[in-house]
Amino acid sequence: MIKEDLYNELKDNAGVSAIVSTRVFFGSPIEQQSEEYITYRLDPSEEYDDVRSMARFRIFCFSKDTKDADDLANAVKTALDGNTSLNANPYYKIHVFSKVDGNTRLNNGFYYTTIRVEIQYS
């Protein structure tokens, strides 16, 4: 449920969708992308913590240019940080707790910026 709500929040946000349209993927994209896109996954060090009612995700913002990757990450951060609902679900509180600038170039020619997000739920 949280994965789907996060997907819809990113896809439906005007600032994010202006850059990536609907190119938001959990895990990896099914096919090669030629424009900016987002992937996200559960943070492998945390995943779900039902004791503290939270989940941590890593969101990867990909672009052919480092500045554009950072701009996309800033749009994601603006869309999520401090949000008290997720996809109109009032049971979440979101905190963006780190952003690593896009200085890594992949073999496919894309750079990426990583955002770590904590989502508290009840």
N, C-alpha and C. Protein backbone atom coordinates (compact mmCIF):
# COMPACT_ATOMS: atom_id res chain seq x y z
N MET A 1 0.82 -1.20 0.00
CA MET A 1 0.00 0.00 0.00
C MET A 1 0.86 1.26 0.00
N ILE A 2 1.87 1.32 0.85
CA ILE A 2 2.71 2.51 0.89
C ILE A 2 3.42 2.70 -0.44
N LYS A 3 3.91 1.61 -1.05
CA LYS A 3 4.61 1.71 -2.33
C LYS A 3 3.70 2.33 -3.39
N GLU A 4 2.45 1.89 -3.44
CA GLU A 4 1.51 2.40 -4.43
C GLU A 4 1.14 3.85 -4.15
N ASP A 5 0.95 4.18 -2.87
CA ASP A 5 0.63 5.57 -2.52
C ASP A 5 1.78 6.50 -2.87
N LEU A 6 3.02 6.06 -2.62
CA LEU A 6 4.18 6.87 -2.97
C LEU A 6 4.26 7.05 -4.48
N TYR A 7 4.03 5.99 -5.23
CA TYR A 7 4.01 6.06 -6.70
C TYR A 7 3.00 7.11 -7.17
N ASN A 8 1.77 7.02 -6.67
CA ASN A 8 0.73 7.95 -7.10
C ASN A 8 1.04 9.38 -6.70
N GLU A 9 1.61 9.56 -5.52
CA GLU A 9 1.97 10.92 -5.07
C GLU A 9 3.00 11.53 -6.01
N LEU A 10 4.02 10.76 -6.38
CA LEU A 10 5.05 11.27 -7.29
C LEU A 10 4.48 11.51 -8.69
N LYS A 11 3.73 10.56 -9.20
CA LYS A 11 3.17 10.65 -10.55
C LYS A 11 2.18 11.80 -10.68
N ASP A 12 1.40 12.05 -9.63
CA ASP A 12 0.35 13.06 -9.70
C ASP A 12 0.79 14.46 -9.29
N ASN A 13 2.00 14.60 -8.74
CA ASN A 13 2.47 15.92 -8.33
C ASN A 13 2.82 16.75 -9.56
N ALA A 14 2.31 17.96 -9.64
CA ALA A 14 2.51 18.79 -10.83
C ALA A 14 3.98 19.09 -11.11
N GLY A 15 4.74 19.41 -10.05
CA GLY A 15 6.15 19.75 -10.24
C GLY A 15 6.98 18.57 -10.72
N VAL A 16 6.68 17.39 -10.20
CA VAL A 16 7.40 16.18 -10.59
C VAL A 16 6.96 15.72 -11.97
N SER A 17 5.65 15.66 -12.20
CA SER A 17 5.15 15.15 -13.48
C SER A 17 5.50 16.08 -14.64
N ALA A 18 5.72 17.36 -14.36
CA ALA A 18 6.16 18.26 -15.43
C ALA A 18 7.52 17.85 -15.99
N ILE A 19 8.31 17.17 -15.18
CA ILE A 19 9.64 16.74 -15.60
C ILE A 19 9.63 15.30 -16.12
N VAL A 20 8.95 14.39 -15.41
CA VAL A 20 9.03 12.97 -15.78
C VAL A 20 7.74 12.40 -16.36
N SER A 21 6.67 13.19 -16.43
CA SER A 21 5.38 12.69 -16.86
C SER A 21 5.00 11.53 -15.93
N THR A 22 4.83 10.34 -16.45
CA THR A 22 4.48 9.18 -15.62
C THR A 22 5.64 8.18 -15.53
N ARG A 23 6.85 8.61 -15.83
CA ARG A 23 8.01 7.71 -15.80
C ARG A 23 8.53 7.57 -14.36
N VAL A 24 7.72 6.91 -13.54
CA VAL A 24 8.03 6.63 -12.14
C VAL A 24 7.91 5.12 -11.98
N PHE A 25 8.96 4.48 -11.47
CA PHE A 25 8.99 3.02 -11.42
C PHE A 25 9.44 2.55 -10.04
N PHE A 26 8.75 1.52 -9.52
CA PHE A 26 9.25 0.84 -8.33
C PHE A 26 10.25 -0.20 -8.82
N GLY A 27 11.44 -0.20 -8.26
CA GLY A 27 12.49 -1.09 -8.74
C GLY A 27 13.16 -0.48 -9.96
N SER A 28 13.18 -1.20 -11.05
CA SER A 28 13.82 -0.73 -12.28
C SER A 28 12.79 -0.57 -13.39
N PRO A 29 13.04 0.35 -14.32
CA PRO A 29 12.11 0.46 -15.44
C PRO A 29 12.11 -0.84 -16.27
N ILE A 30 10.97 -1.15 -16.85
CA ILE A 30 10.85 -2.36 -17.65
C ILE A 30 11.70 -2.27 -18.91
N GLU A 31 11.77 -1.09 -19.49
CA GLU A 31 12.57 -0.91 -20.69
C GLU A 31 13.46 0.32 -20.55
N GLN A 32 14.45 0.40 -21.44
CA GLN A 32 15.41 1.51 -21.44
C GLN A 32 14.67 2.85 -21.57
N GLN A 33 15.07 3.82 -20.79
CA GLN A 33 14.45 5.15 -20.83
C GLN A 33 15.36 6.12 -21.60
N SER A 34 14.76 7.07 -22.29
CA SER A 34 15.55 8.06 -23.02
C SER A 34 15.39 9.46 -22.44
N GLU A 35 14.46 9.64 -21.49
CA GLU A 35 14.24 10.93 -20.85
C GLU A 35 14.32 10.74 -19.33
N GLU A 36 14.24 11.86 -18.60
CA GLU A 36 14.30 11.81 -17.14
C GLU A 36 13.27 10.83 -16.60
N TYR A 37 13.66 10.15 -15.51
CA TYR A 37 12.74 9.22 -14.87
C TYR A 37 13.13 9.05 -13.41
N ILE A 38 12.22 8.43 -12.66
CA ILE A 38 12.41 8.17 -11.22
C ILE A 38 12.24 6.68 -10.98
N THR A 39 13.12 6.13 -10.15
CA THR A 39 12.89 4.80 -9.60
C THR A 39 12.92 4.93 -8.08
N TYR A 40 12.26 4.04 -7.40
CA TYR A 40 12.30 4.05 -5.93
C TYR A 40 12.23 2.62 -5.43
N ARG A 41 12.74 2.43 -4.23
CA ARG A 41 12.72 1.10 -3.61
C ARG A 41 12.80 1.28 -2.11
N LEU A 42 12.43 0.24 -1.40
CA LEU A 42 12.60 0.25 0.04
C LEU A 42 14.08 0.33 0.35
N ASP A 43 14.43 1.11 1.34
CA ASP A 43 15.82 1.20 1.77
C ASP A 43 16.21 -0.16 2.35
N PRO A 44 17.23 -0.81 1.80
CA PRO A 44 17.56 -2.16 2.26
C PRO A 44 18.02 -2.24 3.71
N SER A 45 18.48 -1.13 4.25
CA SER A 45 18.93 -1.16 5.65
C SER A 45 17.77 -1.01 6.63
N GLU A 46 16.63 -0.56 6.16
CA GLU A 46 15.52 -0.28 7.07
C GLU A 46 14.25 -1.05 6.71
N GLU A 47 13.81 -0.91 5.48
CA GLU A 47 12.54 -1.45 5.01
C GLU A 47 11.42 -1.04 5.96
N TYR A 48 10.51 -1.95 6.27
CA TYR A 48 9.41 -1.62 7.17
C TYR A 48 9.81 -1.87 8.62
N ASP A 49 9.41 -0.97 9.48
CA ASP A 49 9.63 -1.13 10.91
C ASP A 49 8.29 -0.95 11.59
N ASP A 50 7.58 -2.05 11.81
CA ASP A 50 6.24 -1.95 12.38
C ASP A 50 6.24 -1.49 13.83
N VAL A 51 7.36 -1.66 14.52
CA VAL A 51 7.44 -1.19 15.90
C VAL A 51 7.35 0.33 15.94
N ARG A 52 8.08 0.99 15.04
CA ARG A 52 8.07 2.46 14.98
C ARG A 52 7.09 2.98 13.94
N SER A 53 6.36 2.10 13.28
CA SER A 53 5.36 2.46 12.25
C SER A 53 5.95 3.37 11.19
N MET A 54 6.99 2.88 10.55
CA MET A 54 7.61 3.69 9.51
C MET A 54 8.25 2.80 8.45
N ALA A 55 8.46 3.39 7.30
CA ALA A 55 9.17 2.74 6.20
C ALA A 55 10.13 3.76 5.60
N ARG A 56 11.28 3.29 5.17
CA ARG A 56 12.24 4.17 4.51
C ARG A 56 12.44 3.72 3.07
N PHE A 57 12.47 4.72 2.19
CA PHE A 57 12.65 4.48 0.77
C PHE A 57 13.85 5.26 0.25
N ARG A 58 14.44 4.76 -0.80
CA ARG A 58 15.41 5.53 -1.58
C ARG A 58 14.77 5.84 -2.91
N ILE A 59 14.83 7.10 -3.27
CA ILE A 59 14.26 7.56 -4.54
C ILE A 59 15.42 8.03 -5.41
N PHE A 60 15.51 7.49 -6.61
CA PHE A 60 16.60 7.82 -7.53
C PHE A 60 16.04 8.64 -8.68
N CYS A 61 16.63 9.82 -8.89
CA CYS A 61 16.19 10.75 -9.93
C CYS A 61 17.23 10.75 -11.04
N PHE A 62 16.84 10.29 -12.22
CA PHE A 62 17.78 10.10 -13.33
C PHE A 62 17.59 11.15 -14.42
N SER A 63 18.72 11.63 -14.94
CA SER A 63 18.70 12.57 -16.06
C SER A 63 20.03 12.46 -16.81
N LYS A 64 20.05 12.97 -18.03
CA LYS A 64 21.27 12.97 -18.84
C LYS A 64 22.25 14.05 -18.39
N ASP A 65 21.83 14.90 -17.47
CA ASP A 65 22.64 16.03 -17.02
C ASP A 65 22.58 16.10 -15.49
N THR A 66 23.71 16.39 -14.85
CA THR A 66 23.72 16.42 -13.38
C THR A 66 22.79 17.49 -12.81
N LYS A 67 22.75 18.65 -13.44
CA LYS A 67 21.88 19.72 -12.94
C LYS A 67 20.41 19.30 -13.04
N ASP A 68 20.05 18.68 -14.14
CA ASP A 68 18.66 18.24 -14.30
C ASP A 68 18.30 17.15 -13.29
N ALA A 69 19.24 16.27 -12.99
CA ALA A 69 19.00 15.23 -11.98
C ALA A 69 18.77 15.89 -10.62
N ASP A 70 19.56 16.91 -10.30
CA ASP A 70 19.38 17.63 -9.04
C ASP A 70 18.07 18.41 -9.02
N ASP A 71 17.70 19.01 -10.16
CA ASP A 71 16.43 19.74 -10.24
C ASP A 71 15.25 18.79 -10.01
N LEU A 72 15.32 17.62 -10.60
CA LEU A 72 14.26 16.62 -10.41
C LEU A 72 14.20 16.20 -8.94
N ALA A 73 15.35 15.96 -8.34
CA ALA A 73 15.39 15.58 -6.93
C ALA A 73 14.81 16.68 -6.05
N ASN A 74 15.09 17.93 -6.38
CA ASN A 74 14.52 19.04 -5.60
C ASN A 74 13.01 19.09 -5.76
N ALA A 75 12.50 18.78 -6.96
CA ALA A 75 11.05 18.74 -7.17
C ALA A 75 10.42 17.63 -6.33
N VAL A 76 11.08 16.48 -6.26
CA VAL A 76 10.60 15.37 -5.44
C VAL A 76 10.63 15.76 -3.97
N LYS A 77 11.72 16.37 -3.55
CA LYS A 77 11.85 16.79 -2.14
C LYS A 77 10.75 17.79 -1.78
N THR A 78 10.51 18.75 -2.65
CA THR A 78 9.46 19.74 -2.41
C THR A 78 8.09 19.07 -2.33
N ALA A 79 7.86 18.08 -3.18
CA ALA A 79 6.57 17.39 -3.21
C ALA A 79 6.33 16.57 -1.95
N LEU A 80 7.40 16.02 -1.38
CA LEU A 80 7.22 15.07 -0.28
C LEU A 80 7.52 15.60 1.11
N ASP A 81 8.56 16.41 1.28
CA ASP A 81 9.05 16.74 2.62
C ASP A 81 8.00 17.47 3.44
N GLY A 82 7.69 16.92 4.60
CA GLY A 82 6.73 17.53 5.51
C GLY A 82 5.28 17.23 5.17
N ASN A 83 5.05 16.52 4.07
CA ASN A 83 3.70 16.18 3.66
C ASN A 83 3.03 15.34 4.75
N THR A 84 1.80 15.64 5.04
CA THR A 84 1.09 14.88 6.08
C THR A 84 0.04 13.95 5.48
N SER A 85 0.04 13.81 4.18
CA SER A 85 -0.80 12.81 3.53
C SER A 85 -0.01 12.28 2.34
N LEU A 86 -0.42 11.14 1.88
CA LEU A 86 0.25 10.52 0.74
C LEU A 86 -0.85 9.98 -0.15
N ASN A 87 -0.96 10.54 -1.35
CA ASN A 87 -2.02 10.15 -2.26
C ASN A 87 -3.39 10.30 -1.58
N ALA A 88 -3.56 11.43 -0.90
CA ALA A 88 -4.80 11.79 -0.19
C ALA A 88 -5.10 10.87 0.99
N ASN A 89 -4.14 10.09 1.42
CA ASN A 89 -4.31 9.23 2.59
C ASN A 89 -3.74 9.98 3.80
N PRO A 90 -4.57 10.32 4.78
CA PRO A 90 -4.11 11.16 5.89
C PRO A 90 -3.30 10.43 6.95
N TYR A 91 -2.94 9.19 6.73
CA TYR A 91 -2.29 8.41 7.77
C TYR A 91 -0.77 8.39 7.66
N TYR A 92 -0.21 9.31 6.90
CA TYR A 92 1.23 9.35 6.69
C TYR A 92 1.83 10.67 7.12
N LYS A 93 3.09 10.66 7.48
CA LYS A 93 3.90 11.86 7.64
C LYS A 93 5.24 11.56 6.99
N ILE A 94 5.68 12.45 6.12
CA ILE A 94 6.87 12.19 5.31
C ILE A 94 8.00 13.13 5.71
N HIS A 95 9.18 12.58 5.81
CA HIS A 95 10.38 13.36 6.11
C HIS A 95 11.48 12.95 5.13
N VAL A 96 11.99 13.92 4.37
CA VAL A 96 13.14 13.68 3.50
C VAL A 96 14.37 13.94 4.35
N PHE A 97 15.20 12.91 4.58
CA PHE A 97 16.29 13.11 5.51
C PHE A 97 17.67 13.12 4.88
N SER A 98 17.78 12.92 3.59
CA SER A 98 19.08 13.15 2.95
C SER A 98 18.92 13.22 1.44
N LYS A 99 19.81 13.94 0.83
CA LYS A 99 19.86 14.07 -0.63
C LYS A 99 21.33 14.03 -1.02
N VAL A 100 21.67 13.15 -1.96
CA VAL A 100 23.04 13.04 -2.43
C VAL A 100 23.06 13.52 -3.88
N ASP A 101 23.82 14.57 -4.15
CA ASP A 101 23.82 15.17 -5.48
C ASP A 101 24.29 14.19 -6.55
N GLY A 102 23.76 14.41 -7.76
CA GLY A 102 24.00 13.50 -8.88
C GLY A 102 25.34 13.70 -9.55
N ASN A 103 26.32 12.99 -9.09
CA ASN A 103 27.63 13.10 -9.71
C ASN A 103 28.12 11.76 -10.23
N THR A 104 27.25 10.75 -10.23
CA THR A 104 27.61 9.44 -10.72
C THR A 104 26.97 9.22 -12.08
N ARG A 105 27.80 8.88 -13.07
CA ARG A 105 27.27 8.63 -14.40
C ARG A 105 27.20 7.13 -14.63
N LEU A 106 26.06 6.67 -15.12
CA LEU A 106 25.85 5.25 -15.38
C LEU A 106 26.25 4.92 -16.82
N ASN A 107 26.34 3.65 -17.12
CA ASN A 107 26.69 3.22 -18.48
C ASN A 107 25.69 3.66 -19.53
N ASN A 108 24.44 3.87 -19.13
CA ASN A 108 23.42 4.29 -20.09
C ASN A 108 23.44 5.80 -20.34
N GLY A 109 24.42 6.50 -19.77
CA GLY A 109 24.56 7.94 -20.00
C GLY A 109 23.79 8.81 -19.04
N PHE A 110 23.06 8.22 -18.10
CA PHE A 110 22.29 8.99 -17.14
C PHE A 110 23.11 9.24 -15.87
N TYR A 111 22.84 10.40 -15.25
CA TYR A 111 23.33 10.71 -13.91
C TYR A 111 22.15 10.53 -12.97
N TYR A 112 22.45 10.35 -11.68
CA TYR A 112 21.33 10.26 -10.75
C TYR A 112 21.64 10.96 -9.44
N THR A 113 20.57 11.40 -8.81
CA THR A 113 20.59 11.98 -7.47
C THR A 113 19.69 11.10 -6.60
N THR A 114 20.16 10.79 -5.40
CA THR A 114 19.42 9.91 -4.50
C THR A 114 18.82 10.71 -3.35
N ILE A 115 17.59 10.39 -3.04
CA ILE A 115 16.89 10.98 -1.90
C ILE A 115 16.48 9.84 -0.98
N ARG A 116 16.68 10.01 0.32
CA ARG A 116 16.21 9.03 1.30
C ARG A 116 15.01 9.63 2.02
N VAL A 117 13.94 8.86 2.09
CA VAL A 117 12.68 9.35 2.62
C VAL A 117 12.19 8.40 3.73
N GLU A 118 11.73 8.99 4.80
CA GLU A 118 11.10 8.20 5.86
C GLU A 118 9.61 8.53 5.86
N ILE A 119 8.80 7.49 5.83
CA ILE A 119 7.35 7.66 5.84
C ILE A 119 6.81 7.01 7.11
N GLN A 120 6.23 7.83 7.96
CA GLN A 120 5.59 7.32 9.17
C GLN A 120 4.13 7.08 8.87
N TYR A 121 3.61 5.99 9.38
CA TYR A 121 2.21 5.66 9.11
C TYR A 121 1.53 5.19 10.38
N SER A 122 0.22 5.22 10.34
CA SER A 122 -0.55 4.74 11.50
C SER A 122 -1.74 3.93 11.04
